[in-house]
N, C-alpha and C. Protein backbone atom coordinates (compact mmCIF):
# COMPACT_ATOMS: atom_id res chain seq x y z
N MET A 1 -106.09 -35.69 38.23
CA MET A 1 -105.12 -35.84 37.08
C MET A 1 -105.59 -35.27 35.62
N LEU A 2 -106.28 -34.02 35.92
CA LEU A 2 -106.69 -33.17 34.86
C LEU A 2 -105.83 -32.70 34.06
N THR A 3 -104.58 -32.41 34.78
CA THR A 3 -103.52 -31.93 33.81
C THR A 3 -103.18 -32.96 32.62
N LEU A 4 -103.45 -34.25 32.93
CA LEU A 4 -103.18 -35.12 31.65
C LEU A 4 -104.49 -35.65 30.97
N THR A 5 -105.46 -34.75 30.96
CA THR A 5 -106.86 -35.27 30.25
C THR A 5 -106.82 -33.96 29.44
N GLY A 6 -107.16 -34.37 28.12
CA GLY A 6 -107.61 -33.46 27.06
C GLY A 6 -109.04 -33.91 26.58
N LYS A 7 -109.20 -33.20 25.29
CA LYS A 7 -110.48 -33.48 24.66
C LYS A 7 -110.69 -34.76 23.95
N LYS A 8 -109.33 -35.05 23.28
CA LYS A 8 -109.43 -36.34 22.53
C LYS A 8 -108.66 -37.41 23.16
N VAL A 9 -107.90 -37.22 24.08
CA VAL A 9 -107.03 -38.35 24.87
C VAL A 9 -106.82 -38.04 26.22
N TYR A 10 -106.27 -39.14 26.92
CA TYR A 10 -105.89 -38.65 28.34
C TYR A 10 -104.49 -39.54 28.45
N LEU A 11 -103.64 -39.30 29.27
CA LEU A 11 -102.41 -40.03 29.34
C LEU A 11 -102.48 -40.39 30.71
N ARG A 12 -101.95 -41.58 30.80
CA ARG A 12 -102.26 -42.53 32.09
C ARG A 12 -100.88 -43.25 32.22
N ALA A 13 -100.63 -43.71 33.51
CA ALA A 13 -99.41 -44.51 33.82
C ALA A 13 -99.70 -46.02 33.39
N LEU A 14 -98.39 -46.57 33.01
CA LEU A 14 -98.32 -47.90 32.69
C LEU A 14 -99.02 -48.90 33.61
N GLU A 15 -99.90 -49.98 33.27
CA GLU A 15 -100.40 -51.00 33.93
C GLU A 15 -99.64 -52.39 33.54
N PRO A 16 -99.98 -53.33 34.42
CA PRO A 16 -99.52 -54.78 33.98
C PRO A 16 -100.41 -55.03 32.66
N GLU A 17 -101.61 -54.60 32.58
CA GLU A 17 -102.38 -54.90 31.60
C GLU A 17 -101.63 -54.47 30.05
N ASP A 18 -100.84 -53.58 30.02
CA ASP A 18 -100.34 -53.06 28.79
C ASP A 18 -99.11 -54.06 28.28
N LEU A 19 -98.84 -54.97 28.85
CA LEU A 19 -97.78 -55.82 28.29
C LEU A 19 -97.84 -56.14 27.00
N ASP A 20 -98.98 -56.71 26.39
CA ASP A 20 -99.01 -57.01 24.97
C ASP A 20 -98.88 -55.72 24.01
N PHE A 21 -99.49 -54.55 24.54
CA PHE A 21 -99.48 -53.42 23.83
C PHE A 21 -97.90 -52.89 23.66
N VAL A 22 -97.34 -52.88 25.01
CA VAL A 22 -95.80 -52.41 24.88
C VAL A 22 -94.85 -53.48 24.06
N HIS A 23 -95.21 -54.49 24.44
CA HIS A 23 -94.33 -55.54 23.62
C HIS A 23 -94.46 -55.57 22.22
N LYS A 24 -95.78 -55.18 21.63
CA LYS A 24 -95.99 -54.97 20.18
C LYS A 24 -95.14 -53.69 19.52
N ILE A 25 -95.04 -52.69 20.50
CA ILE A 25 -94.64 -51.54 20.12
C ILE A 25 -93.01 -51.66 20.06
N GLU A 26 -92.66 -52.15 21.16
CA GLU A 26 -90.94 -52.29 21.22
C GLU A 26 -90.41 -53.39 20.27
N ASN A 27 -91.24 -54.28 19.56
CA ASN A 27 -90.80 -55.10 18.70
C ASN A 27 -91.38 -55.01 17.30
N THR A 28 -91.81 -53.79 17.17
CA THR A 28 -92.12 -53.30 15.60
C THR A 28 -90.99 -52.75 15.16
N GLU A 29 -90.41 -53.42 14.15
CA GLU A 29 -88.98 -53.07 13.65
C GLU A 29 -88.88 -51.49 13.08
N SER A 30 -89.95 -51.24 12.33
CA SER A 30 -90.26 -49.86 11.67
C SER A 30 -90.18 -48.80 12.84
N PHE A 31 -90.31 -49.02 14.19
CA PHE A 31 -90.14 -48.08 15.10
C PHE A 31 -88.80 -48.02 15.77
N TRP A 32 -88.01 -48.83 15.23
CA TRP A 32 -86.72 -48.84 15.91
C TRP A 32 -85.79 -47.70 15.59
N GLU A 33 -86.08 -47.16 14.55
CA GLU A 33 -85.14 -46.05 13.99
C GLU A 33 -85.48 -44.83 14.92
N VAL A 34 -86.84 -44.64 15.47
CA VAL A 34 -87.15 -43.40 16.32
C VAL A 34 -86.92 -43.86 17.59
N SER A 35 -86.50 -44.98 18.08
CA SER A 35 -86.36 -45.50 19.44
C SER A 35 -85.16 -45.86 19.96
N SER A 36 -84.29 -45.90 18.64
CA SER A 36 -82.80 -46.12 19.00
C SER A 36 -82.92 -47.89 19.52
N THR A 37 -83.70 -48.48 18.96
CA THR A 37 -83.79 -49.95 19.31
C THR A 37 -82.74 -50.82 18.44
N GLN A 38 -82.29 -51.87 18.99
CA GLN A 38 -81.68 -52.67 17.70
C GLN A 38 -81.96 -54.17 18.14
N THR A 39 -82.59 -54.41 19.12
CA THR A 39 -82.94 -55.79 19.36
C THR A 39 -84.27 -55.91 19.82
N PRO A 40 -84.98 -57.00 19.69
CA PRO A 40 -86.32 -57.35 20.17
C PRO A 40 -86.29 -57.55 21.53
N TYR A 41 -87.39 -56.99 22.28
CA TYR A 41 -87.25 -57.41 23.87
C TYR A 41 -88.49 -58.35 24.29
N SER A 42 -88.09 -59.44 25.11
CA SER A 42 -89.01 -60.35 25.49
C SER A 42 -89.86 -59.79 26.31
N LYS A 43 -91.33 -60.58 26.37
CA LYS A 43 -92.37 -60.11 27.23
C LYS A 43 -91.91 -60.27 28.82
N PHE A 44 -90.92 -61.07 28.85
CA PHE A 44 -90.32 -61.19 30.38
C PHE A 44 -89.46 -59.82 30.72
N LEU A 45 -88.68 -59.39 29.83
CA LEU A 45 -88.15 -57.95 30.28
C LEU A 45 -89.13 -56.89 30.37
N ILE A 46 -90.08 -56.92 29.48
CA ILE A 46 -91.27 -55.77 29.49
C ILE A 46 -92.07 -55.96 30.70
N ARG A 47 -92.37 -57.12 31.11
CA ARG A 47 -92.93 -57.30 32.39
C ARG A 47 -92.29 -56.72 33.59
N GLN A 48 -90.71 -57.10 33.67
CA GLN A 48 -90.14 -56.55 34.66
C GLN A 48 -90.10 -55.02 34.62
N TYR A 49 -90.05 -54.27 33.42
CA TYR A 49 -90.21 -52.90 33.20
C TYR A 49 -91.54 -52.53 33.65
N LEU A 50 -92.46 -52.96 33.33
CA LEU A 50 -93.90 -52.62 33.75
C LEU A 50 -94.01 -52.61 35.48
N GLU A 51 -93.27 -53.72 35.81
CA GLU A 51 -93.17 -53.75 37.52
C GLU A 51 -92.75 -52.72 38.10
N ASN A 52 -91.50 -52.03 37.51
CA ASN A 52 -90.81 -51.02 38.06
C ASN A 52 -91.26 -49.61 37.46
N ALA A 53 -92.31 -49.49 36.80
CA ALA A 53 -92.70 -48.53 36.04
C ALA A 53 -93.27 -47.31 37.19
N HIS A 54 -93.31 -47.86 38.15
CA HIS A 54 -94.26 -46.85 39.36
C HIS A 54 -93.05 -46.05 40.32
N ARG A 55 -91.85 -46.54 39.98
CA ARG A 55 -90.74 -45.45 40.46
C ARG A 55 -90.64 -44.13 40.16
N ASP A 56 -90.36 -43.37 41.17
CA ASP A 56 -90.24 -41.96 40.93
C ASP A 56 -89.43 -41.65 39.78
N ILE A 57 -90.13 -40.49 39.05
CA ILE A 57 -89.40 -39.90 37.83
C ILE A 57 -87.96 -39.31 38.42
N TYR A 58 -87.76 -38.77 39.50
CA TYR A 58 -86.82 -38.41 39.99
C TYR A 58 -85.62 -39.25 40.44
N ASP A 59 -86.04 -40.59 40.52
CA ASP A 59 -85.20 -41.69 40.79
C ASP A 59 -84.56 -42.31 39.60
N ILE A 60 -85.68 -42.55 38.61
CA ILE A 60 -85.11 -43.18 37.41
C ILE A 60 -84.82 -42.39 36.27
N ARG A 61 -85.39 -41.29 36.33
CA ARG A 61 -85.05 -39.88 35.43
C ARG A 61 -85.95 -40.19 34.02
N GLN A 62 -86.99 -41.01 34.18
CA GLN A 62 -87.89 -41.16 33.18
C GLN A 62 -89.14 -41.40 33.53
N LEU A 63 -90.32 -41.22 32.73
CA LEU A 63 -91.57 -41.41 32.95
C LEU A 63 -92.14 -41.67 31.53
N ARG A 64 -92.82 -42.94 31.51
CA ARG A 64 -93.57 -43.35 30.31
C ARG A 64 -95.08 -43.53 30.55
N LEU A 65 -95.89 -42.71 29.56
CA LEU A 65 -97.19 -42.91 29.77
C LEU A 65 -98.04 -43.23 28.71
N VAL A 66 -99.08 -43.87 28.86
CA VAL A 66 -99.80 -44.68 27.57
C VAL A 66 -100.88 -43.42 27.30
N ILE A 67 -100.93 -43.29 25.86
CA ILE A 67 -101.75 -42.36 25.26
C ILE A 67 -103.19 -43.20 24.93
N SER A 68 -104.13 -42.63 25.60
CA SER A 68 -105.48 -43.59 25.55
C SER A 68 -106.73 -42.50 24.97
N THR A 69 -107.40 -43.04 24.07
CA THR A 69 -108.58 -42.25 23.69
C THR A 69 -109.78 -42.29 24.97
N LYS A 70 -110.62 -41.36 24.66
CA LYS A 70 -111.59 -41.24 25.68
C LYS A 70 -112.47 -42.47 25.97
N ARG A 71 -112.56 -43.30 25.07
CA ARG A 71 -113.06 -44.77 24.73
C ARG A 71 -112.12 -45.69 25.57
N HIS A 72 -110.91 -45.20 26.24
CA HIS A 72 -110.01 -46.25 26.78
C HIS A 72 -109.17 -46.99 25.87
N ARG A 73 -109.00 -46.65 24.80
CA ARG A 73 -108.40 -47.39 23.78
C ARG A 73 -106.90 -46.91 23.60
N SER A 74 -105.82 -47.75 23.89
CA SER A 74 -104.49 -47.54 24.04
C SER A 74 -103.95 -46.97 22.58
N VAL A 75 -103.45 -45.87 22.06
CA VAL A 75 -103.16 -45.57 20.74
C VAL A 75 -101.57 -45.25 20.80
N GLY A 76 -100.74 -45.00 21.94
CA GLY A 76 -99.37 -44.82 21.77
C GLY A 76 -98.83 -44.69 23.03
N LEU A 77 -97.46 -44.23 23.05
CA LEU A 77 -96.79 -43.85 24.34
C LEU A 77 -96.03 -42.62 24.18
N ILE A 78 -95.81 -42.03 25.48
CA ILE A 78 -95.25 -40.51 25.35
C ILE A 78 -94.29 -40.79 26.34
N ASP A 79 -93.14 -40.12 26.34
CA ASP A 79 -92.14 -40.41 27.41
C ASP A 79 -91.36 -39.13 27.69
N VAL A 80 -91.06 -38.84 28.71
CA VAL A 80 -90.31 -38.06 29.50
C VAL A 80 -88.96 -38.62 29.76
N TYR A 81 -87.63 -38.27 29.41
CA TYR A 81 -86.59 -39.16 29.78
C TYR A 81 -85.47 -38.26 29.76
N ASP A 82 -84.00 -38.59 30.18
CA ASP A 82 -83.04 -37.95 30.43
C ASP A 82 -83.36 -36.70 31.09
N LEU A 83 -84.19 -36.93 32.13
CA LEU A 83 -84.56 -35.64 33.05
C LEU A 83 -83.39 -35.10 33.88
N GLU A 84 -82.95 -33.94 33.81
CA GLU A 84 -81.94 -33.20 34.40
C GLU A 84 -82.45 -32.45 35.48
N PRO A 85 -82.74 -32.82 36.67
CA PRO A 85 -83.20 -31.75 37.75
C PRO A 85 -82.49 -30.69 38.05
N LYS A 86 -81.52 -30.59 38.15
CA LYS A 86 -80.52 -29.52 38.35
C LYS A 86 -80.68 -28.51 37.16
N ASP A 87 -80.79 -28.91 35.84
CA ASP A 87 -80.87 -27.86 34.98
C ASP A 87 -82.17 -27.63 34.54
N ARG A 88 -82.99 -28.46 35.21
CA ARG A 88 -84.68 -28.27 34.85
C ARG A 88 -85.02 -28.40 33.39
N ARG A 89 -84.55 -29.58 33.00
CA ARG A 89 -84.94 -29.77 31.49
C ARG A 89 -85.17 -31.41 31.53
N ALA A 90 -85.54 -31.78 30.26
CA ALA A 90 -85.98 -33.22 30.13
C ALA A 90 -86.35 -33.31 28.54
N ALA A 91 -86.06 -34.60 28.07
CA ALA A 91 -86.27 -34.98 26.65
C ALA A 91 -87.83 -35.55 26.54
N ILE A 92 -88.39 -35.27 25.49
CA ILE A 92 -89.77 -35.94 25.22
C ILE A 92 -89.84 -36.89 23.92
N GLY A 93 -90.26 -37.95 24.04
CA GLY A 93 -90.50 -38.76 22.96
C GLY A 93 -91.99 -38.98 22.75
N ILE A 94 -92.58 -39.31 21.64
CA ILE A 94 -93.75 -39.61 21.44
C ILE A 94 -93.86 -40.61 20.23
N LEU A 95 -94.87 -41.75 20.43
CA LEU A 95 -95.30 -42.40 19.30
C LEU A 95 -96.65 -42.93 19.40
N ILE A 96 -97.38 -42.85 18.16
CA ILE A 96 -98.78 -43.14 17.93
C ILE A 96 -98.31 -44.28 17.02
N ALA A 97 -98.75 -45.55 17.60
CA ALA A 97 -98.56 -47.03 17.14
C ALA A 97 -99.09 -47.07 15.80
N ASP A 98 -100.36 -46.94 15.56
CA ASP A 98 -100.84 -47.43 14.42
C ASP A 98 -101.23 -46.43 13.34
N ASN A 99 -100.81 -46.55 12.12
CA ASN A 99 -101.13 -45.63 11.27
C ASN A 99 -102.45 -45.02 11.13
N LYS A 100 -103.41 -45.95 11.30
CA LYS A 100 -104.93 -45.36 11.18
C LYS A 100 -105.18 -44.31 12.49
N ASP A 101 -104.20 -44.42 13.46
CA ASP A 101 -104.57 -43.23 14.57
C ASP A 101 -103.84 -42.07 14.48
N ARG A 102 -102.91 -42.01 13.46
CA ARG A 102 -102.25 -40.78 13.21
C ARG A 102 -102.99 -39.73 12.41
N LYS A 103 -102.59 -38.60 12.50
CA LYS A 103 -103.19 -37.34 11.94
C LYS A 103 -104.69 -37.21 12.40
N LYS A 104 -104.83 -37.59 13.64
CA LYS A 104 -106.19 -37.35 14.24
C LYS A 104 -106.14 -36.33 15.54
N GLY A 105 -104.86 -35.63 15.66
CA GLY A 105 -104.58 -34.79 16.73
C GLY A 105 -104.34 -35.50 18.30
N TYR A 106 -104.27 -36.76 18.07
CA TYR A 106 -103.74 -37.43 19.47
C TYR A 106 -102.52 -37.26 19.87
N GLY A 107 -101.47 -37.27 18.83
CA GLY A 107 -99.95 -37.06 19.33
C GLY A 107 -99.75 -35.36 19.57
N SER A 108 -100.61 -34.62 18.89
CA SER A 108 -100.40 -33.27 19.26
C SER A 108 -100.92 -32.92 20.62
N GLU A 109 -102.11 -33.34 20.95
CA GLU A 109 -102.89 -33.16 22.26
C GLU A 109 -102.03 -33.69 23.29
N SER A 110 -101.43 -35.04 23.06
CA SER A 110 -100.42 -35.59 24.06
C SER A 110 -99.45 -34.72 24.33
N LEU A 111 -98.91 -34.28 23.48
CA LEU A 111 -97.61 -33.42 23.62
C LEU A 111 -97.75 -32.25 24.17
N ALA A 112 -99.06 -31.44 24.01
CA ALA A 112 -99.19 -30.37 24.88
C ALA A 112 -99.75 -30.77 26.31
N LEU A 113 -100.25 -31.79 26.65
CA LEU A 113 -100.75 -32.17 28.02
C LEU A 113 -99.38 -32.23 28.59
N LEU A 114 -98.54 -33.26 27.93
CA LEU A 114 -97.11 -33.56 28.82
C LEU A 114 -96.41 -32.34 28.88
N CYS A 115 -96.17 -31.38 28.06
CA CYS A 115 -95.59 -30.18 28.37
C CYS A 115 -96.18 -29.49 29.39
N ASP A 116 -97.41 -29.23 29.28
CA ASP A 116 -97.89 -28.73 30.68
C ASP A 116 -97.51 -29.38 31.92
N TYR A 117 -97.69 -30.54 31.96
CA TYR A 117 -97.36 -31.26 33.13
C TYR A 117 -95.90 -31.25 33.43
N CYS A 118 -95.06 -31.16 32.71
CA CYS A 118 -93.62 -30.80 32.73
C CYS A 118 -93.36 -29.59 33.33
N PHE A 119 -94.13 -28.65 33.03
CA PHE A 119 -93.79 -27.24 33.26
C PHE A 119 -94.30 -27.09 34.66
N LYS A 120 -95.84 -27.61 34.89
CA LYS A 120 -96.37 -27.14 36.16
C LYS A 120 -95.95 -28.10 37.27
N HIS A 121 -95.85 -29.33 37.19
CA HIS A 121 -95.84 -30.22 38.05
C HIS A 121 -94.36 -30.59 38.41
N LEU A 122 -93.47 -30.62 37.28
CA LEU A 122 -92.27 -31.17 37.37
C LEU A 122 -91.08 -29.68 37.55
N GLY A 123 -91.90 -28.62 37.25
CA GLY A 123 -91.05 -27.37 37.47
C GLY A 123 -89.70 -27.31 36.54
N LEU A 124 -90.07 -27.83 35.36
CA LEU A 124 -89.10 -27.93 34.12
C LEU A 124 -88.97 -26.52 33.74
N HIS A 125 -87.89 -26.07 33.12
CA HIS A 125 -87.73 -24.74 32.45
C HIS A 125 -87.78 -24.98 31.10
N GLN A 126 -87.23 -26.12 30.47
CA GLN A 126 -87.39 -26.38 29.09
C GLN A 126 -87.68 -28.07 28.83
N VAL A 127 -88.26 -28.34 27.78
CA VAL A 127 -88.29 -29.80 27.25
C VAL A 127 -87.67 -29.73 25.81
N TYR A 128 -87.04 -30.84 25.41
CA TYR A 128 -86.79 -30.81 23.88
C TYR A 128 -86.97 -32.27 23.34
N ALA A 129 -86.49 -32.34 21.94
CA ALA A 129 -86.97 -33.69 21.41
C ALA A 129 -86.06 -33.79 20.32
N ASN A 130 -85.51 -34.73 19.86
CA ASN A 130 -84.57 -35.29 18.80
C ASN A 130 -85.62 -36.02 17.89
N VAL A 131 -85.47 -35.21 16.67
CA VAL A 131 -86.45 -35.62 15.65
C VAL A 131 -85.75 -35.85 14.22
N GLY A 132 -85.90 -36.97 13.67
CA GLY A 132 -85.20 -37.23 12.38
C GLY A 132 -85.62 -36.33 11.30
N ALA A 133 -84.78 -35.89 10.74
CA ALA A 133 -85.01 -34.70 9.63
C ALA A 133 -85.91 -35.32 8.61
N GLU A 134 -85.98 -36.62 8.37
CA GLU A 134 -87.02 -37.02 7.25
C GLU A 134 -88.47 -37.21 7.90
N ASN A 135 -88.50 -37.15 9.27
CA ASN A 135 -89.76 -37.45 9.84
C ASN A 135 -90.66 -36.03 9.96
N ARG A 136 -91.28 -35.93 8.69
CA ARG A 136 -91.93 -34.60 8.71
C ARG A 136 -93.22 -34.46 9.58
N ASP A 137 -93.91 -35.53 9.78
CA ASP A 137 -95.20 -35.50 10.58
C ASP A 137 -94.70 -35.25 11.81
N SER A 138 -93.80 -35.85 12.63
CA SER A 138 -93.42 -35.72 13.88
C SER A 138 -92.58 -34.27 14.06
N ARG A 139 -92.09 -33.85 13.29
CA ARG A 139 -91.59 -32.29 12.98
C ARG A 139 -92.52 -31.50 13.12
N ARG A 140 -93.80 -31.60 12.61
CA ARG A 140 -94.83 -30.73 12.38
C ARG A 140 -95.58 -30.77 13.76
N VAL A 141 -95.57 -31.92 14.38
CA VAL A 141 -96.39 -31.86 15.70
C VAL A 141 -95.62 -31.06 16.73
N PHE A 142 -94.20 -31.05 16.65
CA PHE A 142 -93.53 -30.34 17.79
C PHE A 142 -93.60 -28.81 17.34
N GLU A 143 -93.41 -28.55 15.95
CA GLU A 143 -93.58 -27.11 15.64
C GLU A 143 -94.94 -26.53 15.95
N ASN A 144 -95.78 -27.38 15.84
CA ASN A 144 -97.40 -26.80 16.08
C ASN A 144 -97.52 -26.59 17.70
N ASN A 145 -96.81 -27.28 18.38
CA ASN A 145 -96.81 -27.10 19.75
C ASN A 145 -95.87 -26.08 20.53
N GLY A 146 -95.26 -25.38 19.59
CA GLY A 146 -94.41 -24.28 20.08
C GLY A 146 -93.04 -24.57 20.20
N PHE A 147 -92.36 -25.85 19.92
CA PHE A 147 -91.14 -26.08 19.57
C PHE A 147 -90.50 -25.51 18.63
N ARG A 148 -89.21 -25.01 19.04
CA ARG A 148 -88.41 -24.33 17.77
C ARG A 148 -87.02 -25.20 17.68
N LYS A 149 -87.09 -25.31 16.10
CA LYS A 149 -85.96 -26.11 15.64
C LYS A 149 -84.66 -25.41 15.80
N VAL A 150 -83.63 -25.81 16.86
CA VAL A 150 -82.48 -24.94 17.33
C VAL A 150 -81.25 -25.56 16.99
N GLY A 151 -81.11 -26.64 16.15
CA GLY A 151 -80.20 -27.19 15.65
C GLY A 151 -80.21 -28.58 14.62
N LEU A 152 -79.19 -28.62 13.94
CA LEU A 152 -79.09 -29.81 13.11
C LEU A 152 -78.06 -30.78 13.47
N LYS A 153 -78.21 -31.88 13.78
CA LYS A 153 -77.28 -33.00 14.03
C LYS A 153 -76.90 -33.77 12.87
N LYS A 154 -75.78 -33.29 12.07
CA LYS A 154 -75.50 -34.17 10.82
C LYS A 154 -75.05 -35.48 10.89
N ASP A 155 -75.52 -36.50 10.12
CA ASP A 155 -75.12 -37.79 10.11
C ASP A 155 -75.07 -38.23 11.52
N TRP A 156 -76.37 -38.26 12.22
CA TRP A 156 -76.42 -38.33 13.70
C TRP A 156 -76.56 -39.85 13.96
N THR A 157 -77.70 -40.43 13.23
CA THR A 157 -77.94 -41.60 13.52
C THR A 157 -77.74 -42.63 12.46
N LEU A 158 -77.32 -43.79 12.85
CA LEU A 158 -76.96 -44.89 11.57
C LEU A 158 -78.15 -45.88 11.71
N PHE A 159 -78.99 -45.98 10.73
CA PHE A 159 -79.99 -46.86 10.77
C PHE A 159 -80.01 -47.45 9.25
N ASN A 160 -80.08 -48.94 9.29
CA ASN A 160 -80.09 -49.53 7.94
C ASN A 160 -78.72 -49.24 6.98
N GLY A 161 -77.59 -49.08 7.89
CA GLY A 161 -76.40 -48.65 6.94
C GLY A 161 -76.41 -47.42 6.39
N GLU A 162 -77.37 -46.55 6.72
CA GLU A 162 -77.52 -45.12 6.41
C GLU A 162 -77.38 -44.12 7.50
N PHE A 163 -76.38 -43.10 7.28
CA PHE A 163 -76.43 -41.99 8.41
C PHE A 163 -77.61 -41.19 7.99
N LYS A 164 -78.23 -40.58 9.14
CA LYS A 164 -79.43 -39.52 8.82
C LYS A 164 -79.29 -38.47 9.70
N ASP A 165 -79.67 -37.36 9.40
CA ASP A 165 -79.76 -36.29 10.20
C ASP A 165 -80.92 -36.26 11.01
N GLU A 166 -80.57 -35.35 12.07
CA GLU A 166 -81.62 -35.27 12.98
C GLU A 166 -81.72 -33.72 13.56
N PHE A 167 -82.87 -33.32 13.73
CA PHE A 167 -83.15 -32.06 14.51
C PHE A 167 -83.30 -32.08 15.70
N LEU A 168 -82.75 -30.94 16.67
CA LEU A 168 -83.11 -30.72 17.99
C LEU A 168 -84.16 -29.52 18.15
N TYR A 169 -84.89 -29.93 18.67
CA TYR A 169 -86.27 -29.12 19.01
C TYR A 169 -86.40 -28.66 20.54
N GLN A 170 -86.73 -27.62 20.94
CA GLN A 170 -86.91 -27.03 22.41
C GLN A 170 -88.09 -26.13 22.36
N LEU A 171 -88.60 -26.34 23.67
CA LEU A 171 -89.61 -25.64 24.06
C LEU A 171 -89.28 -25.00 25.47
N ILE A 172 -89.13 -23.53 25.54
CA ILE A 172 -88.59 -23.02 26.82
C ILE A 172 -89.82 -22.38 27.47
N ASN A 173 -90.02 -22.79 28.76
CA ASN A 173 -91.06 -22.12 29.75
C ASN A 173 -90.67 -20.63 30.17
N ASN A 174 -91.12 -19.78 29.54
CA ASN A 174 -90.80 -18.32 30.00
C ASN A 174 -91.65 -17.90 31.01
N VAL A 175 -92.40 -18.76 31.66
CA VAL A 175 -92.96 -18.42 32.97
C VAL A 175 -92.27 -18.77 34.29
N HIS A 176 -91.67 -17.70 35.19
CA HIS A 176 -90.92 -18.11 35.96
C HIS A 176 -91.74 -17.81 37.27
């Protein structure tokens, strides 16, 4: 699994032991804007999700991985979702859970590792991300990893009674 191992972090499959970590992330209201969540998740539902996390990416069209430091501390989650095998594309989402773990390169390295995995192992032609226009840190992570801003979706998301713009970022693998 060297493709998913970097200098600072490695990406790993979800384990039953991740229940509390995922539960905390899914129920942190400040993350709901970026995850399009509107209601809390019970531990029961997350446990069911973890029990099915082993299913094939082509079957469920998504893959969620835990971002872990070299000292085996979970710092975030990174997802491949909306996989379209015919068009060879998928969306990517990333979250570093704690402010103290941000701006340390974990997100950027995780994104690079996942893109490499998507191109080499899943055979994707492109990956894309939807990033809130106000989320400068996330935009910078994608831009620093070669993603190009290709579109603006005006008033795209409604959060706390306010419509917000969202940018569409793309990274196309030009190696055929």
